[in-house]
Full PDB file with SEQRES, HELIX, SHEET, SSBOND, CRYST1, ORIGX, SCALE, CONECT and MASTER records, all heavy atoms in Angstrom:
SEQRES   1 A   28  THR PRO ALA GLU ILE ARG LYS LEU GLY GLY ALA LEU TYR          
SEQRES   2 A   28  CYS CYS HIS ARG TYR GLY ARG VAL PHE VAL GLY SER ASN          
SEQRES   3 A   28  GLY ALA                                                      
HELIX    1 AA1 ALA A    3  ARG A    6  1                                   4    
SHEET    1 AA1 2 GLY A  10  ARG A  17  0                                        
SHEET    2 AA1 2 ARG A  20  GLY A  27 -1                                        
CRYST1    1.000    1.000    1.000  90.00  90.00  90.00 P 1           1          
ORIGX1      1.000000  0.000000  0.000000        0.00000                         
ORIGX2      0.000000  1.000000  0.000000        0.00000                         
ORIGX3      0.000000  0.000000  1.000000        0.00000                         
SCALE1      1.000000  0.000000  0.000000        0.00000                         
SCALE2      0.000000  1.000000  0.000000        0.00000                         
SCALE3      0.000000  0.000000  1.000000        0.00000                         
ATOM      1  N   THR A   1     106.005 104.753  98.043  1.00  0.00           N  
ATOM      2  CA  THR A   1     106.991 103.720  98.347  1.00  0.00           C  
ATOM      3  C   THR A   1     107.221 103.626  99.848  1.00  0.00           C  
ATOM      4  O   THR A   1     107.438 104.642 100.502  1.00  0.00           O  
ATOM      5  CB  THR A   1     108.317 104.040  97.614  1.00  0.00           C  
ATOM      6  OG1 THR A   1     108.052 104.042  96.204  1.00  0.00           O  
ATOM      7  CG2 THR A   1     109.391 103.042  97.936  1.00  0.00           C  
ATOM      8  N   PRO A   2     107.171 102.410 100.394  1.00  0.00           N  
ATOM      9  CA  PRO A   2     107.444 102.243 101.822  1.00  0.00           C  
ATOM     10  C   PRO A   2     108.835 102.771 102.195  1.00  0.00           C  
ATOM     11  O   PRO A   2     109.798 102.646 101.420  1.00  0.00           O  
ATOM     12  CB  PRO A   2     107.362 100.724 102.030  1.00  0.00           C  
ATOM     13  CG  PRO A   2     106.493 100.234 100.916  1.00  0.00           C  
ATOM     14  CD  PRO A   2     106.812 101.145  99.750  1.00  0.00           C  
ATOM     15  N   ALA A   3     108.955 103.337 103.390  1.00  0.00           N  
ATOM     16  CA  ALA A   3     110.195 103.960 103.855  1.00  0.00           C  
ATOM     17  C   ALA A   3     111.384 103.004 103.806  1.00  0.00           C  
ATOM     18  O   ALA A   3     112.493 103.412 103.447  1.00  0.00           O  
ATOM     19  CB  ALA A   3     110.012 104.508 105.267  1.00  0.00           C  
ATOM     20  N   GLU A   4     111.156 101.737 104.125  1.00  0.00           N  
ATOM     21  CA  GLU A   4     112.284 100.794 104.148  1.00  0.00           C  
ATOM     22  C   GLU A   4     112.866 100.554 102.748  1.00  0.00           C  
ATOM     23  O   GLU A   4     114.053 100.312 102.604  1.00  0.00           O  
ATOM     24  CB  GLU A   4     111.903  99.470 104.824  1.00  0.00           C  
ATOM     25  CG  GLU A   4     110.775  98.698 104.173  1.00  0.00           C  
ATOM     26  CD  GLU A   4     109.379  99.076 104.658  1.00  0.00           C  
ATOM     27  OE1 GLU A   4     109.214 100.108 105.345  1.00  0.00           O  
ATOM     28  OE2 GLU A   4     108.442  98.335 104.316  1.00  0.00           O  
ATOM     29  N   ILE A   5     112.040 100.653 101.714  1.00  0.00           N  
ATOM     30  CA  ILE A   5     112.533 100.518 100.334  1.00  0.00           C  
ATOM     31  C   ILE A   5     113.211 101.811  99.896  1.00  0.00           C  
ATOM     32  O   ILE A   5     114.292 101.806  99.316  1.00  0.00           O  
ATOM     33  CB  ILE A   5     111.382 100.146  99.373  1.00  0.00           C  
ATOM     34  CG1 ILE A   5     110.870  98.742  99.706  1.00  0.00           C  
ATOM     35  CG2 ILE A   5     111.831 100.235  97.914  1.00  0.00           C  
ATOM     36  CD1 ILE A   5     109.619  98.347  98.965  1.00  0.00           C  
ATOM     37  N   ARG A   6     112.570 102.924 100.225  1.00  0.00           N  
ATOM     38  CA  ARG A   6     113.131 104.226  99.833  1.00  0.00           C  
ATOM     39  C   ARG A   6     114.481 104.458 100.496  1.00  0.00           C  
ATOM     40  O   ARG A   6     115.407 105.011  99.894  1.00  0.00           O  
ATOM     41  CB  ARG A   6     112.129 105.346 100.178  1.00  0.00           C  
ATOM     42  CG  ARG A   6     112.561 106.709  99.723  1.00  0.00           C  
ATOM     43  CD  ARG A   6     112.729 106.763  98.202  1.00  0.00           C  
ATOM     44  NE  ARG A   6     113.492 107.917  97.794  1.00  0.00           N  
ATOM     45  CZ  ARG A   6     114.797 107.918  97.546  1.00  0.00           C  
ATOM     46  NH1 ARG A   6     115.517 106.809  97.673  1.00  0.00           N  
ATOM     47  NH2 ARG A   6     115.412 109.015  97.171  1.00  0.00           N  
ATOM     48  N   LYS A   7     114.620 104.016 101.745  1.00  0.00           N  
ATOM     49  CA  LYS A   7     115.864 104.173 102.493  1.00  0.00           C  
ATOM     50  C   LYS A   7     117.031 103.470 101.791  1.00  0.00           C  
ATOM     51  O   LYS A   7     118.177 103.890 101.894  1.00  0.00           O  
ATOM     52  CB  LYS A   7     115.667 103.595 103.900  1.00  0.00           C  
ATOM     53  CG  LYS A   7     116.774 103.831 104.861  1.00  0.00           C  
ATOM     54  CD  LYS A   7     116.369 103.298 106.222  1.00  0.00           C  
ATOM     55  CE  LYS A   7     117.469 103.485 107.241  1.00  0.00           C  
ATOM     56  NZ  LYS A   7     117.086 102.944 108.539  1.00  0.00           N  
ATOM     57  N   LEU A   8     116.723 102.419 101.038  1.00  0.00           N  
ATOM     58  CA  LEU A   8     117.740 101.667 100.303  1.00  0.00           C  
ATOM     59  C   LEU A   8     117.979 102.228  98.894  1.00  0.00           C  
ATOM     60  O   LEU A   8     118.747 101.670  98.122  1.00  0.00           O  
ATOM     61  CB  LEU A   8     117.343 100.191 100.218  1.00  0.00           C  
ATOM     62  CG  LEU A   8     117.260  99.469 101.562  1.00  0.00           C  
ATOM     63  CD1 LEU A   8     116.652  98.087 101.399  1.00  0.00           C  
ATOM     64  CD2 LEU A   8     118.638  99.396 102.218  1.00  0.00           C  
ATOM     65  N   GLY A   9     117.288 103.328  98.561  1.00  0.00           N  
ATOM     66  CA  GLY A   9     117.497 103.989  97.268  1.00  0.00           C  
ATOM     67  C   GLY A   9     116.483 103.631  96.199  1.00  0.00           C  
ATOM     68  O   GLY A   9     116.554 104.133  95.089  1.00  0.00           O  
ATOM     69  N   GLY A  10     115.529 102.780  96.533  1.00  0.00           N  
ATOM     70  CA  GLY A  10     114.553 102.348  95.543  1.00  0.00           C  
ATOM     71  C   GLY A  10     113.231 103.080  95.635  1.00  0.00           C  
ATOM     72  O   GLY A  10     112.968 103.814  96.582  1.00  0.00           O  
ATOM     73  N   ALA A  11     112.425 102.874  94.617  1.00  0.00           N  
ATOM     74  CA  ALA A  11     111.056 103.392  94.576  1.00  0.00           C  
ATOM     75  C   ALA A  11     110.227 102.414  93.751  1.00  0.00           C  
ATOM     76  O   ALA A  11     110.756 101.716  92.872  1.00  0.00           O  
ATOM     77  CB  ALA A  11     111.011 104.789  93.973  1.00  0.00           C  
ATOM     78  N   LEU A  12     108.928 102.358  94.040  1.00  0.00           N  
ATOM     79  CA  LEU A  12     108.041 101.405  93.386  1.00  0.00           C  
ATOM     80  C   LEU A  12     107.181 102.066  92.316  1.00  0.00           C  
ATOM     81  O   LEU A  12     106.828 103.238  92.431  1.00  0.00           O  
ATOM     82  CB  LEU A  12     107.123 100.749  94.414  1.00  0.00           C  
ATOM     83  CG  LEU A  12     107.793  99.968  95.534  1.00  0.00           C  
ATOM     84  CD1 LEU A  12     106.743  99.390  96.484  1.00  0.00           C  
ATOM     85  CD2 LEU A  12     108.690  98.872  94.988  1.00  0.00           C  
ATOM     86  N   TYR A  13     106.858 101.282  91.320  1.00  0.00           N  
ATOM     87  CA  TYR A  13     105.916 101.708  90.284  1.00  0.00           C  
ATOM     88  C   TYR A  13     105.022 100.521  89.953  1.00  0.00           C  
ATOM     89  O   TYR A  13     105.336  99.369  90.285  1.00  0.00           O  
ATOM     90  CB  TYR A  13     106.648 102.209  89.029  1.00  0.00           C  
ATOM     91  CG  TYR A  13     107.390 101.126  88.281  1.00  0.00           C  
ATOM     92  CD1 TYR A  13     106.755 100.413  87.254  1.00  0.00           C  
ATOM     93  CD2 TYR A  13     108.711 100.814  88.598  1.00  0.00           C  
ATOM     94  CE1 TYR A  13     107.435  99.412  86.575  1.00  0.00           C  
ATOM     95  CE2 TYR A  13     109.382  99.831  87.920  1.00  0.00           C  
ATOM     96  CZ  TYR A  13     108.747  99.122  86.904  1.00  0.00           C  
ATOM     97  OH  TYR A  13     109.413  98.133  86.235  1.00  0.00           O  
ATOM     98  N   CYS A  14     103.903 100.798  89.298  1.00  0.00           N  
ATOM     99  CA  CYS A  14     102.967  99.749  88.882  1.00  0.00           C  
ATOM    100  C   CYS A  14     102.559  99.951  87.434  1.00  0.00           C  
ATOM    101  O   CYS A  14     102.622 101.064  86.903  1.00  0.00           O  
ATOM    102  CB  CYS A  14     101.694  99.780  89.735  1.00  0.00           C  
ATOM    103  SG  CYS A  14     101.914  99.243  91.428  1.00  0.00           S  
ATOM    104  N   CYS A  15     102.129  98.852  86.816  1.00  0.00           N  
ATOM    105  CA  CYS A  15     101.580  98.897  85.468  1.00  0.00           C  
ATOM    106  C   CYS A  15     100.684  97.674  85.271  1.00  0.00           C  
ATOM    107  O   CYS A  15     100.644  96.782  86.122  1.00  0.00           O  
ATOM    108  CB  CYS A  15     102.688  98.929  84.418  1.00  0.00           C  
ATOM    109  SG  CYS A  15     103.756  97.472  84.416  1.00  0.00           S  
ATOM    110  N   HIS A  16      99.949  97.665  84.177  1.00  0.00           N  
ATOM    111  CA  HIS A  16      99.057  96.553  83.849  1.00  0.00           C  
ATOM    112  C   HIS A  16      99.493  95.973  82.511  1.00  0.00           C  
ATOM    113  O   HIS A  16      99.400  96.632  81.480  1.00  0.00           O  
ATOM    114  CB  HIS A  16      97.612  97.069  83.767  1.00  0.00           C  
ATOM    115  CG  HIS A  16      96.607  95.983  83.634  1.00  0.00           C  
ATOM    116  ND1 HIS A  16      96.351  95.343  82.446  1.00  0.00           N  
ATOM    117  CD2 HIS A  16      95.775  95.424  84.549  1.00  0.00           C  
ATOM    118  CE1 HIS A  16      95.409  94.446  82.634  1.00  0.00           C  
ATOM    119  NE2 HIS A  16      95.047  94.473  83.893  1.00  0.00           N  
ATOM    120  N   ARG A  17      99.997  94.742  82.531  1.00  0.00           N  
ATOM    121  CA  ARG A  17     100.446  94.068  81.319  1.00  0.00           C  
ATOM    122  C   ARG A  17      99.994  92.613  81.361  1.00  0.00           C  
ATOM    123  O   ARG A  17      99.878  92.024  82.440  1.00  0.00           O  
ATOM    124  CB  ARG A  17     101.976  94.074  81.191  1.00  0.00           C  
ATOM    125  CG  ARG A  17     102.631  95.447  81.254  1.00  0.00           C  
ATOM    126  CD  ARG A  17     102.486  96.244  79.961  1.00  0.00           C  
ATOM    127  NE  ARG A  17     103.376  97.373  79.924  1.00  0.00           N  
ATOM    128  CZ  ARG A  17     103.160  98.536  80.542  1.00  0.00           C  
ATOM    129  NH1 ARG A  17     102.071  98.731  81.242  1.00  0.00           N  
ATOM    130  NH2 ARG A  17     104.027  99.524  80.445  1.00  0.00           N  
ATOM    131  N   TYR A  18      99.773  92.058  80.190  1.00  0.00           N  
ATOM    132  CA  TYR A  18      99.483  90.632  80.064  1.00  0.00           C  
ATOM    133  C   TYR A  18      98.315  90.180  80.946  1.00  0.00           C  
ATOM    134  O   TYR A  18      98.307  89.079  81.481  1.00  0.00           O  
ATOM    135  CB  TYR A  18     100.728  89.788  80.381  1.00  0.00           C  
ATOM    136  CG  TYR A  18     101.948  90.274  79.663  1.00  0.00           C  
ATOM    137  CD1 TYR A  18     102.977  90.902  80.356  1.00  0.00           C  
ATOM    138  CD2 TYR A  18     102.061  90.146  78.278  1.00  0.00           C  
ATOM    139  CE1 TYR A  18     104.104  91.369  79.699  1.00  0.00           C  
ATOM    140  CE2 TYR A  18     103.180  90.615  77.604  1.00  0.00           C  
ATOM    141  CZ  TYR A  18     104.194  91.225  78.320  1.00  0.00           C  
ATOM    142  OH  TYR A  18     105.296  91.684  77.662  1.00  0.00           O  
ATOM    143  N   GLY A  19      97.344  91.076  81.131  1.00  0.00           N  
ATOM    144  CA  GLY A  19      96.158  90.732  81.900  1.00  0.00           C  
ATOM    145  C   GLY A  19      96.338  90.729  83.406  1.00  0.00           C  
ATOM    146  O   GLY A  19      95.485  90.219  84.134  1.00  0.00           O  
ATOM    147  N   ARG A  20      97.421  91.338  83.895  1.00  0.00           N  
ATOM    148  CA  ARG A  20      97.619  91.408  85.344  1.00  0.00           C  
ATOM    149  C   ARG A  20      98.363  92.681  85.738  1.00  0.00           C  
ATOM    150  O   ARG A  20      98.943  93.357  84.902  1.00  0.00           O  
ATOM    151  CB  ARG A  20      98.345  90.176  85.863  1.00  0.00           C  
ATOM    152  CG  ARG A  20      99.747  89.996  85.306  1.00  0.00           C  
ATOM    153  CD  ARG A  20     100.482  88.853  85.926  1.00  0.00           C  
ATOM    154  NE  ARG A  20     100.712  89.169  87.324  1.00  0.00           N  
ATOM    155  CZ  ARG A  20     101.227  88.327  88.189  1.00  0.00           C  
ATOM    156  NH1 ARG A  20     101.566  87.126  87.833  1.00  0.00           N  
ATOM    157  NH2 ARG A  20     101.412  88.688  89.447  1.00  0.00           N  
ATOM    158  N   VAL A  21      98.352  92.960  87.019  1.00  0.00           N  
ATOM    159  CA  VAL A  21      99.022  94.144  87.551  1.00  0.00           C  
ATOM    160  C   VAL A  21     100.395  93.745  88.065  1.00  0.00           C  
ATOM    161  O   VAL A  21     100.542  92.737  88.755  1.00  0.00           O  
ATOM    162  CB  VAL A  21      98.204  94.787  88.697  1.00  0.00           C  
ATOM    163  CG1 VAL A  21      98.914  96.003  89.267  1.00  0.00           C  
ATOM    164  CG2 VAL A  21      96.820  95.165  88.212  1.00  0.00           C  
ATOM    165  N   PHE A  22     101.394  94.552  87.715  1.00  0.00           N  
ATOM    166  CA  PHE A  22     102.755  94.314  88.164  1.00  0.00           C  
ATOM    167  C   PHE A  22     103.212  95.460  89.053  1.00  0.00           C  
ATOM    168  O   PHE A  22     102.889  96.617  88.807  1.00  0.00           O  
ATOM    169  CB  PHE A  22     103.717  94.223  86.973  1.00  0.00           C  
ATOM    170  CG  PHE A  22     103.555  92.972  86.167  1.00  0.00           C  
ATOM    171  CD1 PHE A  22     102.673  92.939  85.098  1.00  0.00           C  
ATOM    172  CD2 PHE A  22     104.275  91.829  86.481  1.00  0.00           C  
ATOM    173  CE1 PHE A  22     102.523  91.787  84.344  1.00  0.00           C  
ATOM    174  CE2 PHE A  22     104.122  90.674  85.739  1.00  0.00           C  
ATOM    175  CZ  PHE A  22     103.244  90.647  84.666  1.00  0.00           C  
ATOM    176  N   VAL A  23     103.980  95.108  90.071  1.00  0.00           N  
ATOM    177  CA  VAL A  23     104.670  96.083  90.905  1.00  0.00           C  
ATOM    178  C   VAL A  23     106.149  95.885  90.627  1.00  0.00           C  
ATOM    179  O   VAL A  23     106.654  94.761  90.702  1.00  0.00           O  
ATOM    180  CB  VAL A  23     104.390  95.862  92.407  1.00  0.00           C  
ATOM    181  CG1 VAL A  23     105.173  96.859  93.249  1.00  0.00           C  
ATOM    182  CG2 VAL A  23     102.905  95.951  92.700  1.00  0.00           C  
ATOM    183  N   GLY A  24     106.814  96.974  90.268  1.00  0.00           N  
ATOM    184  CA  GLY A  24     108.238  96.907  89.982  1.00  0.00           C  
ATOM    185  C   GLY A  24     109.000  97.924  90.799  1.00  0.00           C  
ATOM    186  O   GLY A  24     108.409  98.743  91.514  1.00  0.00           O  
ATOM    187  N   SER A  25     110.316  97.874  90.681  1.00  0.00           N  
ATOM    188  CA  SER A  25     111.142  98.848  91.397  1.00  0.00           C  
ATOM    189  C   SER A  25     112.205  99.396  90.460  1.00  0.00           C  
ATOM    190  O   SER A  25     112.601  98.749  89.494  1.00  0.00           O  
ATOM    191  CB  SER A  25     111.798  98.201  92.610  1.00  0.00           C  
ATOM    192  OG  SER A  25     112.717  97.204  92.191  1.00  0.00           O  
ATOM    193  N   ASN A  26     112.618 100.596  90.749  1.00  0.00           N  
ATOM    194  CA  ASN A  26     113.719 101.274  90.069  1.00  0.00           C  
ATOM    195  C   ASN A  26     114.467 102.064  91.120  1.00  0.00           C  
ATOM    196  O   ASN A  26     113.945 102.283  92.219  1.00  0.00           O  
ATOM    197  CB  ASN A  26     113.220 102.289  89.039  1.00  0.00           C  
ATOM    198  CG  ASN A  26     113.035 101.716  87.656  1.00  0.00           C  
ATOM    199  OD1 ASN A  26     111.960 101.822  87.101  1.00  0.00           O  
ATOM    200  ND2 ASN A  26     114.063 101.127  87.085  1.00  0.00           N  
ATOM    201  N   GLY A  27     115.629 102.549  90.735  1.00  0.00           N  
ATOM    202  CA  GLY A  27     116.273 103.535  91.587  1.00  0.00           C  
ATOM    203  C   GLY A  27     115.382 104.768  91.604  1.00  0.00           C  
ATOM    204  O   GLY A  27     114.798 105.131  90.576  1.00  0.00           O  
ATOM    205  N   ALA A  28     115.227 105.384  92.733  1.00  0.00           N  
ATOM    206  CA  ALA A  28     114.324 106.534  92.869  1.00  0.00           C  
ATOM    207  C   ALA A  28     114.718 107.699  91.974  1.00  0.00           C  
ATOM    208  O   ALA A  28     113.885 108.534  91.628  1.00  0.00           O  
ATOM    209  CB  ALA A  28     114.267 106.991  94.325  1.00  0.00           C  
TER     210      ALA A  28                                                      
MASTER        0    0    0    1    2    0    0    6  209    1    0    3          
END                                                                             
């Protein structure tokens, strides 16, 4: 996760659904 997102309390995750790749966020 990029520092600017992590600094705000978030973190990124990815998955593959519906024939495409998604990037999502959650609280870290």
